[in-house]
Structures are given as C-alpha cells and as structure tokens.
C-alpha cells in the first residue's frame, strides 16, 4: 500500500488470522486504513 499519510507499507496475508498484516508493526490493513482515514476525514471510520 502507498499512503499519503504513512508512506509505503507491505502487507502479507496471514492465514491464521485471515487478515492482511504489516509485519513491522503486526497491525492489520483494516486498522491502518481506519486510522489513516480518520485522520484525513476528521471523523471515526469503521471498516468491515
């Protein structure tokens, strides 16, 4: 993913948790997107 907020990140599919995980922080793609969209929009965002 290339984000205007946090820059480039590589997410890997984790079979066990069935989620895309950023290995450096162990954060899920959904969590990263929710956090960054909230910063940009100024309102809480809940995906999925």
C-alpha atoms as a PDB file:
ATOM      1  CA  UNK A   1       0.000   0.000   0.000  1.00  0.00           C
ATOM      2  CA  UNK A   2       1.226   3.513  -0.709  1.00  0.00           C
ATOM      3  CA  UNK A   3      -0.312   6.006   1.680  1.00  0.00           C
ATOM      4  CA  UNK A   4      -0.127   9.810   1.630  1.00  0.00           C
ATOM      5  CA  UNK A   5      -0.184   9.633   5.446  1.00  0.00           C
ATOM      6  CA  UNK A   6       2.338   6.907   6.328  1.00  0.00           C
ATOM      7  CA  UNK A   7       4.098   6.199   3.039  1.00  0.00           C
ATOM      8  CA  UNK A   8       4.669   2.741   1.543  1.00  0.00           C
ATOM      9  CA  UNK A   9       3.839  -0.400   3.520  1.00  0.00           C
ATOM     10  CA  UNK A  10       3.883  -4.068   2.598  1.00  0.00           C
ATOM     11  CA  UNK A  11       1.106  -6.267   3.917  1.00  0.00           C
ATOM     12  CA  UNK A  12       1.235 -10.067   3.879  1.00  0.00           C
ATOM     13  CA  UNK A  13      -1.762 -12.389   4.047  1.00  0.00           C
ATOM     14  CA  UNK A  14      -1.842 -14.204   7.392  1.00  0.00           C
ATOM     15  CA  UNK A  15      -3.696 -17.499   7.003  1.00  0.00           C
ATOM     16  CA  UNK A  16      -4.188 -17.998  10.738  1.00  0.00           C
ATOM     17  CA  UNK A  17      -5.861 -14.641  11.394  1.00  0.00           C
ATOM     18  CA  UNK A  18      -7.311 -14.396   7.875  1.00  0.00           C
ATOM     19  CA  UNK A  19      -6.140 -10.800   7.554  1.00  0.00           C
ATOM     20  CA  UNK A  20      -3.545  -8.680   5.774  1.00  0.00           C
ATOM     21  CA  UNK A  21      -0.794  -7.918   8.318  1.00  0.00           C
ATOM     22  CA  UNK A  22       2.022  -5.362   8.252  1.00  0.00           C
ATOM     23  CA  UNK A  23       4.883  -7.423   9.681  1.00  0.00           C
ATOM     24  CA  UNK A  24       6.849  -4.492  11.136  1.00  0.00           C
ATOM     25  CA  UNK A  25       4.016  -3.442  13.453  1.00  0.00           C
ATOM     26  CA  UNK A  26       1.730  -6.524  13.330  1.00  0.00           C
ATOM     27  CA  UNK A  27      -1.124  -4.137  12.507  1.00  0.00           C
ATOM     28  CA  UNK A  28      -3.907  -5.227  10.172  1.00  0.00           C
ATOM     29  CA  UNK A  29      -4.646  -3.455   6.915  1.00  0.00           C
ATOM     30  CA  UNK A  30      -8.159  -2.612   8.172  1.00  0.00           C
ATOM     31  CA  UNK A  31      -6.737  -0.956  11.300  1.00  0.00           C
ATOM     32  CA  UNK A  32      -4.234   1.081   9.297  1.00  0.00           C
ATOM     33  CA  UNK A  33      -6.911   2.197   6.831  1.00  0.00           C
ATOM     34  CA  UNK A  34      -9.356   3.122   9.603  1.00  0.00           C
ATOM     35  CA  UNK A  35      -6.727   5.139  11.472  1.00  0.00           C
ATOM     36  CA  UNK A  36      -5.475   6.983   8.404  1.00  0.00           C
ATOM     37  CA  UNK A  37      -8.951   7.697   7.014  1.00  0.00           C
ATOM     38  CA  UNK A  38     -10.000   9.042  10.414  1.00  0.00           C
ATOM     39  CA  UNK A  39      -7.001  11.414  10.389  1.00  0.00           C
ATOM     40  CA  UNK A  40      -7.868  12.624   6.891  1.00  0.00           C
ATOM     41  CA  UNK A  41     -11.656  12.901   7.393  1.00  0.00           C
ATOM     42  CA  UNK A  42     -11.702  14.053  10.998  1.00  0.00           C
ATOM     43  CA  UNK A  43     -14.374  11.521  11.945  1.00  0.00           C
ATOM     44  CA  UNK A  44     -14.213   7.908  13.170  1.00  0.00           C
ATOM     45  CA  UNK A  45     -14.220   5.331  10.363  1.00  0.00           C
ATOM     46  CA  UNK A  46     -15.180   1.677  10.846  1.00  0.00           C
ATOM     47  CA  UNK A  47     -14.490  -0.774   8.018  1.00  0.00           C
ATOM     48  CA  UNK A  48     -15.857  -4.281   7.740  1.00  0.00           C
END
